[in-house]
Amino acid sequence: MSMKTDRGDSQEQIDSAYLRERFLKSLLVMTDKQISFELVQTAPMDGVLKACDNKLLQFHVGQLQTPSGVQNEVILRTADVVSCSVHV
């Protein structure tokens, strides 16, 4: 059974909006922070998250430490990212 608010939103819509807001806030917190990226079929690599596109298909990463050296600016496809974690 779906509950409705005074505005007519279903609980599912409210929950979805809440989770989307939390996700976007987490991206803001991660921006300009040192991040460890685990990519498909590679060792984890550290870099600084600069931005992502509006559909979250790509990450713009600075100072990515790869096995072949530091890359100043790179674009990572999110489809290739298994996980990422913020260094706190």
PDB file of N, CA and C in Angstrom:
ATOM      1  N   MET A   1       0.834  -1.162   0.000  1.00  0.00           N
ATOM      2  CA  MET A   1       0.000   0.000   0.000  1.00  0.00           C
ATOM      3  C   MET A   1       0.889   1.239   0.000  1.00  0.00           C
ATOM      4  N   SER A   2       0.611   2.190  -0.865  1.00  0.00           N
ATOM      5  CA  SER A   2       1.407   3.399  -0.998  1.00  0.00           C
ATOM      6  C   SER A   2       0.786   4.538  -0.210  1.00  0.00           C
ATOM      7  N   MET A   3       1.590   5.159   0.637  1.00  0.00           N
ATOM      8  CA  MET A   3       1.098   6.307   1.401  1.00  0.00           C
ATOM      9  C   MET A   3       1.303   7.568   0.581  1.00  0.00           C
ATOM     10  N   LYS A   4       0.406   8.532   0.741  1.00  0.00           N
ATOM     11  CA  LYS A   4       0.497   9.811   0.044  1.00  0.00           C
ATOM     12  C   LYS A   4       0.665  10.932   1.065  1.00  0.00           C
ATOM     13  N   THR A   5       1.431  11.961   0.683  1.00  0.00           N
ATOM     14  CA  THR A   5       1.572  13.141   1.526  1.00  0.00           C
ATOM     15  C   THR A   5       0.527  14.165   1.109  1.00  0.00           C
ATOM     16  N   ASP A   6       0.516  15.289   1.785  1.00  0.00           N
ATOM     17  CA  ASP A   6      -0.417  16.364   1.444  1.00  0.00           C
ATOM     18  C   ASP A   6      -0.215  16.839   0.010  1.00  0.00           C
ATOM     19  N   ARG A   7       1.000  16.757  -0.495  1.00  0.00           N
ATOM     20  CA  ARG A   7       1.299  17.171  -1.875  1.00  0.00           C
ATOM     21  C   ARG A   7       0.964  16.075  -2.874  1.00  0.00           C
ATOM     22  N   GLY A   8       0.642  14.895  -2.418  1.00  0.00           N
ATOM     23  CA  GLY A   8       0.320  13.804  -3.324  1.00  0.00           C
ATOM     24  C   GLY A   8       1.500  12.911  -3.669  1.00  0.00           C
ATOM     25  N   ASP A   9       2.670  13.158  -3.070  1.00  0.00           N
ATOM     26  CA  ASP A   9       3.847  12.322  -3.334  1.00  0.00           C
ATOM     27  C   ASP A   9       3.696  10.978  -2.624  1.00  0.00           C
ATOM     28  N   SER A  10       4.098   9.917  -3.293  1.00  0.00           N
ATOM     29  CA  SER A  10       4.080   8.601  -2.654  1.00  0.00           C
ATOM     30  C   SER A  10       5.309   8.473  -1.763  1.00  0.00           C
ATOM     31  N   GLN A  11       5.253   7.549  -0.839  1.00  0.00           N
ATOM     32  CA  GLN A  11       6.393   7.314   0.050  1.00  0.00           C
ATOM     33  C   GLN A  11       7.617   6.902  -0.763  1.00  0.00           C
ATOM     34  N   GLU A  12       7.406   6.170  -1.834  1.00  0.00           N
ATOM     35  CA  GLU A  12       8.512   5.764  -2.697  1.00  0.00           C
ATOM     36  C   GLU A  12       9.194   6.982  -3.317  1.00  0.00           C
ATOM     37  N   GLN A  13       8.416   7.970  -3.761  1.00  0.00           N
ATOM     38  CA  GLN A  13       8.991   9.194  -4.327  1.00  0.00           C
ATOM     39  C   GLN A  13       9.758   9.972  -3.271  1.00  0.00           C
ATOM     40  N   ILE A  14       9.214  10.039  -2.075  1.00  0.00           N
ATOM     41  CA  ILE A  14       9.876  10.751  -0.976  1.00  0.00           C
ATOM     42  C   ILE A  14      11.194  10.070  -0.634  1.00  0.00           C
ATOM     43  N   ASP A  15      11.167   8.742  -0.525  1.00  0.00           N
ATOM     44  CA  ASP A  15      12.390   7.995  -0.213  1.00  0.00           C
ATOM     45  C   ASP A  15      13.432   8.157  -1.307  1.00  0.00           C
ATOM     46  N   SER A  16      13.002   8.104  -2.557  1.00  0.00           N
ATOM     47  CA  SER A  16      13.917   8.266  -3.683  1.00  0.00           C
ATOM     48  C   SER A  16      14.561   9.648  -3.682  1.00  0.00           C
ATOM     49  N   ALA A  17      13.769  10.676  -3.428  1.00  0.00           N
ATOM     50  CA  ALA A  17      14.296  12.044  -3.378  1.00  0.00           C
ATOM     51  C   ALA A  17      15.291  12.197  -2.235  1.00  0.00           C
ATOM     52  N   TYR A  18      14.994  11.603  -1.092  1.00  0.00           N
ATOM     53  CA  TYR A  18      15.891  11.662   0.063  1.00  0.00           C
ATOM     54  C   TYR A  18      17.228  10.994  -0.248  1.00  0.00           C
ATOM     55  N   LEU A  19      17.177   9.797  -0.843  1.00  0.00           N
ATOM     56  CA  LEU A  19      18.413   9.085  -1.178  1.00  0.00           C
ATOM     57  C   LEU A  19      19.213   9.831  -2.234  1.00  0.00           C
ATOM     58  N   ARG A  20      18.554  10.418  -3.225  1.00  0.00           N
ATOM     59  CA  ARG A  20      19.249  11.190  -4.254  1.00  0.00           C
ATOM     60  C   ARG A  20      19.943  12.398  -3.632  1.00  0.00           C
ATOM     61  N   GLU A  21      19.270  13.077  -2.730  1.00  0.00           N
ATOM     62  CA  GLU A  21      19.865  14.230  -2.061  1.00  0.00           C
ATOM     63  C   GLU A  21      21.099  13.822  -1.253  1.00  0.00           C
ATOM     64  N   ARG A  22      21.013  12.717  -0.525  1.00  0.00           N
ATOM     65  CA  ARG A  22      22.163  12.229   0.245  1.00  0.00           C
ATOM     66  C   ARG A  22      23.326  11.869  -0.665  1.00  0.00           C
ATOM     67  N   PHE A  23      23.020  11.236  -1.798  1.00  0.00           N
ATOM     68  CA  PHE A  23      24.050  10.861  -2.757  1.00  0.00           C
ATOM     69  C   PHE A  23      24.742  12.102  -3.305  1.00  0.00           C
ATOM     70  N   LEU A  24      23.969  13.110  -3.698  1.00  0.00           N
ATOM     71  CA  LEU A  24      24.560  14.339  -4.245  1.00  0.00           C
ATOM     72  C   LEU A  24      25.396  15.062  -3.192  1.00  0.00           C
ATOM     73  N   LYS A  25      24.935  15.067  -1.954  1.00  0.00           N
ATOM     74  CA  LYS A  25      25.716  15.681  -0.880  1.00  0.00           C
ATOM     75  C   LYS A  25      27.027  14.933  -0.665  1.00  0.00           C
ATOM     76  N   SER A  26      26.994  13.605  -0.789  1.00  0.00           N
ATOM     77  CA  SER A  26      28.234  12.839  -0.621  1.00  0.00           C
ATOM     78  C   SER A  26      29.225  13.169  -1.735  1.00  0.00           C
ATOM     79  N   LEU A  27      28.741  13.379  -2.960  1.00  0.00           N
ATOM     80  CA  LEU A  27      29.632  13.782  -4.051  1.00  0.00           C
ATOM     81  C   LEU A  27      30.259  15.135  -3.767  1.00  0.00           C
ATOM     82  N   LEU A  28      29.483  16.053  -3.215  1.00  0.00           N
ATOM     83  CA  LEU A  28      30.027  17.373  -2.869  1.00  0.00           C
ATOM     84  C   LEU A  28      31.125  17.261  -1.816  1.00  0.00           C
ATOM     85  N   VAL A  29      30.904  16.404  -0.832  1.00  0.00           N
ATOM     86  CA  VAL A  29      31.902  16.215   0.229  1.00  0.00           C
ATOM     87  C   VAL A  29      33.173  15.604  -0.338  1.00  0.00           C
ATOM     88  N   MET A  30      33.043  14.724  -1.324  1.00  0.00           N
ATOM     89  CA  MET A  30      34.201  14.039  -1.902  1.00  0.00           C
ATOM     90  C   MET A  30      35.011  14.927  -2.846  1.00  0.00           C
ATOM     91  N   THR A  31      34.413  15.997  -3.358  1.00  0.00           N
ATOM     92  CA  THR A  31      35.098  16.857  -4.322  1.00  0.00           C
ATOM     93  C   THR A  31      36.326  17.508  -3.690  1.00  0.00           C
ATOM     94  N   ASP A  32      37.424  17.469  -4.425  1.00  0.00           N
ATOM     95  CA  ASP A  32      38.723  18.018  -3.997  1.00  0.00           C
ATOM     96  C   ASP A  32      39.342  17.263  -2.825  1.00  0.00           C
ATOM     97  N   LYS A  33      38.905  16.034  -2.617  1.00  0.00           N
ATOM     98  CA  LYS A  33      39.486  15.182  -1.578  1.00  0.00           C
ATOM     99  C   LYS A  33      40.274  14.058  -2.221  1.00  0.00           C
ATOM    100  N   GLN A  34      41.230  13.524  -1.474  1.00  0.00           N
ATOM    101  CA  GLN A  34      42.006  12.364  -1.919  1.00  0.00           C
ATOM    102  C   GLN A  34      41.105  11.140  -1.882  1.00  0.00           C
ATOM    103  N   ILE A  35      40.988  10.462  -3.011  1.00  0.00           N
ATOM    104  CA  ILE A  35      40.096   9.319  -3.154  1.00  0.00           C
ATOM    105  C   ILE A  35      40.903   8.115  -3.637  1.00  0.00           C
ATOM    106  N   SER A  36      40.559   6.949  -3.126  1.00  0.00           N
ATOM    107  CA  SER A  36      41.147   5.716  -3.628  1.00  0.00           C
ATOM    108  C   SER A  36      40.116   5.058  -4.540  1.00  0.00           C
ATOM    109  N   PHE A  37      40.504   4.847  -5.794  1.00  0.00           N
ATOM    110  CA  PHE A  37      39.627   4.233  -6.787  1.00  0.00           C
ATOM    111  C   PHE A  37      40.064   2.795  -7.027  1.00  0.00           C
ATOM    112  N   GLU A  38      39.123   1.879  -6.948  1.00  0.00           N
ATOM    113  CA  GLU A  38      39.385   0.501  -7.341  1.00  0.00           C
ATOM    114  C   GLU A  38      38.698   0.317  -8.686  1.00  0.00           C
ATOM    115  N   LEU A  39      39.502   0.024  -9.703  1.00  0.00           N
ATOM    116  CA  LEU A  39      38.979  -0.147 -11.054  1.00  0.00           C
ATOM    117  C   LEU A  39      38.952  -1.616 -11.433  1.00  0.00           C
ATOM    118  N   VAL A  40      38.153  -1.937 -12.430  1.00  0.00           N
ATOM    119  CA  VAL A  40      38.072  -3.301 -12.937  1.00  0.00           C
ATOM    120  C   VAL A  40      39.446  -3.729 -13.431  1.00  0.00           C
ATOM    121  N   GLN A  41      39.936  -4.849 -12.955  1.00  0.00           N
ATOM    122  CA  GLN A  41      41.182  -5.481 -13.395  1.00  0.00           C
ATOM    123  C   GLN A  41      42.443  -4.623 -13.198  1.00  0.00           C
ATOM    124  N   THR A  42      42.440  -3.728 -12.213  1.00  0.00           N
ATOM    125  CA  THR A  42      43.657  -2.975 -11.889  1.00  0.00           C
ATOM    126  C   THR A  42      43.800  -2.862 -10.378  1.00  0.00           C
ATOM    127  N   ALA A  43      44.980  -2.503  -9.958  1.00  0.00           N
ATOM    128  CA  ALA A  43      45.229  -2.242  -8.543  1.00  0.00           C
ATOM    129  C   ALA A  43      44.563  -0.914  -8.159  1.00  0.00           C
ATOM    130  N   PRO A  44      44.243  -0.725  -6.887  1.00  0.00           N
ATOM    131  CA  PRO A  44      43.675   0.562  -6.458  1.00  0.00           C
ATOM    132  C   PRO A  44      44.620   1.713  -6.782  1.00  0.00           C
ATOM    133  N   MET A  45      44.039   2.846  -7.151  1.00  0.00           N
ATOM    134  CA  MET A  45      44.813   4.044  -7.486  1.00  0.00           C
ATOM    135  C   MET A  45      44.236   5.226  -6.725  1.00  0.00           C
ATOM    136  N   ASP A  46      45.115   6.098  -6.256  1.00  0.00           N
ATOM    137  CA  ASP A  46      44.691   7.288  -5.524  1.00  0.00           C
ATOM    138  C   ASP A  46      44.736   8.506  -6.427  1.00  0.00           C
ATOM    139  N   GLY A  47      43.804   9.414  -6.199  1.00  0.00           N
ATOM    140  CA  GLY A  47      43.762  10.668  -6.934  1.00  0.00           C
ATOM    141  C   GLY A  47      42.826  11.634  -6.236  1.00  0.00           C
ATOM    142  N   VAL A  48      42.706  12.824  -6.790  1.00  0.00           N
ATOM    143  CA  VAL A  48      41.848  13.859  -6.230  1.00  0.00           C
ATOM    144  C   VAL A  48      40.619  13.996  -7.125  1.00  0.00           C
ATOM    145  N   LEU A  49      39.442  13.769  -6.549  1.00  0.00           N
ATOM    146  CA  LEU A  49      38.207  13.900  -7.312  1.00  0.00           C
ATOM    147  C   LEU A  49      37.946  15.380  -7.583  1.00  0.00           C
ATOM    148  N   LYS A  50      37.831  15.730  -8.848  1.00  0.00           N
ATOM    149  CA  LYS A  50      37.590  17.121  -9.233  1.00  0.00           C
ATOM    150  C   LYS A  50      36.127  17.367  -9.563  1.00  0.00           C
ATOM    151  N   ALA A  51      35.501  16.448 -10.283  1.00  0.00           N
ATOM    152  CA  ALA A  51      34.116  16.638 -10.713  1.00  0.00           C
ATOM    153  C   ALA A  51      33.577  15.351 -11.299  1.00  0.00           C
ATOM    154  N   CYS A  52      32.295  15.356 -11.586  1.00  0.00           N
ATOM    155  CA  CYS A  52      31.672  14.277 -12.346  1.00  0.00           C
ATOM    156  C   CYS A  52      30.635  14.908 -13.266  1.00  0.00           C
ATOM    157  N   ASP A  53      30.291  14.204 -14.318  1.00  0.00           N
ATOM    158  CA  ASP A  53      29.292  14.760 -15.225  1.00  0.00           C
ATOM    159  C   ASP A  53      27.897  14.595 -14.626  1.00  0.00           C
ATOM    160  N   ASN A  54      26.915  15.272 -15.225  1.00  0.00           N
ATOM    161  CA  ASN A  54      25.584  15.297 -14.633  1.00  0.00           C
ATOM    162  C   ASN A  54      24.853  13.958 -14.692  1.00  0.00           C
ATOM    163  N   LYS A  55      25.295  13.048 -15.521  1.00  0.00           N
ATOM    164  CA  LYS A  55      24.678  11.718 -15.578  1.00  0.00           C
ATOM    165  C   LYS A  55      25.501  10.686 -14.816  1.00  0.00           C
ATOM    166  N   LEU A  56      26.582  11.139 -14.177  1.00  0.00           N
ATOM    167  CA  LEU A  56      27.486  10.295 -13.411  1.00  0.00           C
ATOM    168  C   LEU A  56      28.051   9.153 -14.253  1.00  0.00           C
ATOM    169  N   LEU A  57      28.472   9.497 -15.458  1.00  0.00           N
ATOM    170  CA  LEU A  57      29.102   8.522 -16.348  1.00  0.00           C
ATOM    171  C   LEU A  57      30.615   8.610 -16.301  1.00  0.00           C
ATOM    172  N   GLN A  58      31.134   9.758 -15.842  1.00  0.00           N
ATOM    173  CA  GLN A  58      32.584   9.970 -15.815  1.00  0.00           C
ATOM    174  C   GLN A  58      32.983  10.770 -14.580  1.00  0.00           C
ATOM    175  N   PHE A  59      34.167  10.437 -14.051  1.00  0.00           N
ATOM    176  CA  PHE A  59      34.797  11.212 -12.986  1.00  0.00           C
ATOM    177  C   PHE A  59      35.980  11.967 -13.580  1.00  0.00           C
ATOM    178  N   HIS A  60      36.126  13.217 -13.218  1.00  0.00           N
ATOM    179  CA  HIS A  60      37.326  13.984 -13.549  1.00  0.00           C
ATOM    180  C   HIS A  60      38.222  13.888 -12.321  1.00  0.00           C
ATOM    181  N   VAL A  61      39.420  13.328 -12.504  1.00  0.00           N
ATOM    182  CA  VAL A  61      40.337  13.071 -11.389  1.00  0.00           C
ATOM    183  C   VAL A  61      41.672  13.741 -11.670  1.00  0.00           C
ATOM    184  N   GLY A  62      42.222  14.383 -10.664  1.00  0.00           N
ATOM    185  CA  GLY A  62      43.539  15.000 -10.772  1.00  0.00           C
ATOM    186  C   GLY A  62      44.565  14.205  -9.979  1.00  0.00           C
ATOM    187  N   GLN A  63      45.816  14.298 -10.395  1.00  0.00           N
ATOM    188  CA  GLN A  63      46.940  13.673  -9.687  1.00  0.00           C
ATOM    189  C   GLN A  63      46.702  12.183  -9.418  1.00  0.00           C
ATOM    190  N   LEU A  64      46.207  11.462 -10.430  1.00  0.00           N
ATOM    191  CA  LEU A  64      45.956  10.033 -10.285  1.00  0.00           C
ATOM    192  C   LEU A  64      47.279   9.278 -10.291  1.00  0.00           C
ATOM    193  N   GLN A  65      47.520   8.534  -9.229  1.00  0.00           N
ATOM    194  CA  GLN A  65      48.756   7.767  -9.083  1.00  0.00           C
ATOM    195  C   GLN A  65      48.537   6.379  -9.683  1.00  0.00           C
ATOM    196  N   THR A  66      49.096   6.183 -10.859  1.00  0.00           N
ATOM    197  CA  THR A  66      48.952   4.914 -11.577  1.00  0.00           C
ATOM    198  C   THR A  66      50.260   4.139 -11.504  1.00  0.00           C
ATOM    199  N   PRO A  67      50.247   2.855 -11.851  1.00  0.00           N
ATOM    200  CA  PRO A  67      51.498   2.085 -11.868  1.00  0.00           C
ATOM    201  C   PRO A  67      52.548   2.679 -12.815  1.00  0.00           C
ATOM    202  N   SER A  68      52.106   3.400 -13.840  1.00  0.00           N
ATOM    203  CA  SER A  68      53.076   3.990 -14.786  1.00  0.00           C
ATOM    204  C   SER A  68      53.424   5.442 -14.453  1.00  0.00           C
ATOM    205  N   GLY A  69      52.972   5.936 -13.317  1.00  0.00           N
ATOM    206  CA  GLY A  69      53.305   7.296 -12.904  1.00  0.00           C
ATOM    207  C   GLY A  69      52.064   8.123 -12.601  1.00  0.00           C
ATOM    208  N   VAL A  70      52.293   9.362 -12.213  1.00  0.00           N
ATOM    209  CA  VAL A  70      51.190  10.264 -11.856  1.00  0.00           C
ATOM    210  C   VAL A  70      50.639  10.930 -13.108  1.00  0.00           C
ATOM    211  N   GLN A  71      49.326  10.847 -13.262  1.00  0.00           N
ATOM    212  CA  GLN A  71      48.637  11.510 -14.370  1.00  0.00           C
ATOM    213  C   GLN A  71      47.983  12.774 -13.814  1.00  0.00           C
ATOM    214  N   ASN A  72      48.329  13.943 -14.367  1.00  0.00           N
ATOM    215  CA  ASN A  72      47.817  15.207 -13.835  1.00  0.00           C
ATOM    216  C   ASN A  72      46.305  15.315 -13.906  1.00  0.00           C
ATOM    217  N   GLU A  73      45.719  15.001 -15.035  1.00  0.00           N
ATOM    218  CA  GLU A  73      44.276  15.104 -15.224  1.00  0.00           C
ATOM    219  C   GLU A  73      43.804  13.897 -16.034  1.00  0.00           C
ATOM    220  N   VAL A  74      42.795  13.191 -15.536  1.00  0.00           N
ATOM    221  CA  VAL A  74      42.249  12.044 -16.266  1.00  0.00           C
ATOM    222  C   VAL A  74      40.728  12.027 -16.133  1.00  0.00           C
ATOM    223  N   ILE A  75      40.110  11.322 -17.055  1.00  0.00           N
ATOM    224  CA  ILE A  75      38.678  11.046 -16.992  1.00  0.00           C
ATOM    225  C   ILE A  75      38.532   9.540 -16.785  1.00  0.00           C
ATOM    226  N   LEU A  76      37.838   9.160 -15.730  1.00  0.00           N
ATOM    227  CA  LEU A  76      37.558   7.751 -15.474  1.00  0.00           C
ATOM    228  C   LEU A  76      36.094   7.481 -15.800  1.00  0.00           C
ATOM    229  N   ARG A  77      35.848   6.427 -16.550  1.00  0.00           N
ATOM    230  CA  ARG A  77      34.464   6.020 -16.799  1.00  0.00           C
ATOM    231  C   ARG A  77      33.942   5.356 -15.536  1.00  0.00           C
ATOM    232  N   THR A  78      32.794   5.772 -15.072  1.00  0.00           N
ATOM    233  CA  THR A  78      32.258   5.177 -13.840  1.00  0.00           C
ATOM    234  C   THR A  78      31.945   3.696 -14.025  1.00  0.00           C
ATOM    235  N   ALA A  79      31.723   3.270 -15.257  1.00  0.00           N
ATOM    236  CA  ALA A  79      31.483   1.850 -15.518  1.00  0.00           C
ATOM    237  C   ALA A  79      32.715   1.008 -15.176  1.00  0.00           C
ATOM    238  N   ASP A  80      33.901   1.633 -15.182  1.00  0.00           N
ATOM    239  CA  ASP A  80      35.141   0.933 -14.856  1.00  0.00           C
ATOM    240  C   ASP A  80      35.487   0.982 -13.368  1.00  0.00           C
ATOM    241  N   VAL A  81      34.757   1.788 -12.602  1.00  0.00           N
ATOM    242  CA  VAL A  81      35.045   1.960 -11.182  1.00  0.00           C
ATOM    243  C   VAL A  81      34.228   0.958 -10.385  1.00  0.00           C
ATOM    244  N   VAL A  82      34.932   0.092  -9.648  1.00  0.00           N
ATOM    245  CA  VAL A  82      34.275  -0.884  -8.800  1.00  0.00           C
ATOM    246  C   VAL A  82      33.865  -0.221  -7.487  1.00  0.00           C
ATOM    247  N   SER A  83      34.772   0.592  -6.932  1.00  0.00           N
ATOM    248  CA  SER A  83      34.472   1.302  -5.688  1.00  0.00           C
ATOM    249  C   SER A  83      35.412   2.504  -5.571  1.00  0.00           C
ATOM    250  N   CYS A  84      35.030   3.406  -4.705  1.00  0.00           N
ATOM    251  CA  CYS A  84      35.916   4.524  -4.369  1.00  0.00           C
ATOM    252  C   CYS A  84      35.696   4.856  -2.901  1.00  0.00           C
ATOM    253  N   SER A  85      36.761   5.294  -2.261  1.00  0.00           N
ATOM    254  CA  SER A  85      36.667   5.637  -0.845  1.00  0.00           C
ATOM    255  C   SER A  85      37.447   6.907  -0.574  1.00  0.00           C
ATOM    256  N   VAL A  86      36.940   7.679   0.375  1.00  0.00           N
ATOM    257  CA  VAL A  86      37.539   8.961   0.726  1.00  0.00           C
ATOM    258  C   VAL A  86      38.548   8.740   1.838  1.00  0.00           C
ATOM    259  N   HIS A  87      39.705   9.363   1.709  1.00  0.00           N
ATOM    260  CA  HIS A  87      40.703   9.328   2.776  1.00  0.00           C
ATOM    261  C   HIS A  87      40.348  10.421   3.784  1.00  0.00           C
ATOM    262  N   VAL A  88      40.079  10.005   5.017  1.00  0.00           N
ATOM    263  CA  VAL A  88      39.737  10.984   6.060  1.00  0.00           C
ATOM    264  C   VAL A  88      40.817  11.079   7.095  1.00  0.00           C
TER     265      VAL A  88
END
